[in-house]
Amino acid sequence: MDAREPSPGTARIVNAMTVDVEDYFQVSAFEPYVARADWNSIGCRVEANVERILALFDTHGVRGTFFTLGWVAQRYPRLIEKIAENGHELASHGWEHVRVNTQTPAAFREDITRTRCLLEDISGSAVKGYRAASYSIGAGQRWAWHELAAAGYQYSSSVVPIRHDLYGMPGSPRFSYSTADGRLLEIPITTVPLAGRNINCGGGGWFRLFPYAFSRWALERVNRTEGQPGIFYFHPWEIDPQQPRLAGLGVKTRFRHYLNLARTYQRLEKLLTDFRWGRMDQVFLAGEGRK
């Protein structure tokens, strides 16, 4: 067997490929540096980057889930139509990337309802899924699952079962589980247990930090050894090494955001080739992700 060929056990499992559709200046780590009131005056790069992702997915025959900000959808409705026309799932990422742990239930309810309605109006298709900004549903935000279920969502992918300085619910199960009295499925980002702790192997900055060989090994282990589908996520700005560099960032923020941006696209090409991928709704709501 070729070293880059997935094992037979891996090849049988379809994983979920996801994109968090937001622009580079909208990430939570930039909140102290970029005011939301200034967003409209900043040149956007998200449209061109999503177009590039759509072309990449089409080349590899991949259909995925695009968790999209309402702010982006309102400004680029044709982009939203194109995502749906290309066979991808549209899901909600909230209106303007406000973390759930900073919202009241009433504000959260308005946010998720407004975003879902806009995405459905533009695309003409039902929005079933939600992902919180910066995975900000933690142990103190379990109420959000009930709000999501009441608003008509069928699943959430808003938890990372790790310890982290910005997010995480380390006590969460590693794989999908029912919440909100059985009305909603929570689908955590994929992790692998190592040395007594869970390590994120589901994308984002971790995909840029670790060598690609680690990501491939970890996802293969989840597929082959545990028999579970994985979830991978990334952002359009992560394939954009030419994005503007913000001045005055803290050392940790600068490192996390700009690390290995020039390598992400090539790593994604390998990932799309090495594993089978599908939409969140097709992988998990069809029952394949329920264990």
Foldseek 3Di string as FASTA:
>chain_A
DDPLAFDPLQAVAAAAEEEEQDFLCQAPLNCVPDPPVCVVVDDGDRLVLVVVVLVLCVVLVAAHEYAYALCVCVVCLVSLQVNVVSPHHYAHAWHRQDAPVVDDLVVLLVGRLVSQVSSCVSHVDHHAEYEYRVLRCEPVNLVVQLSCLVSPHAEYARAALFDDPRHHHVPDDQFWDAGNVRSHIYGYAHWDDDPHGTDGLAEALVCLVDPLVVSLVRQSCCRRVVVAHHHHYYYSCLLPLPDDDDPDRDPVVSCSSNRNSPCVVVSVSSVSVSGHYHYPCVCPVVPVRPD
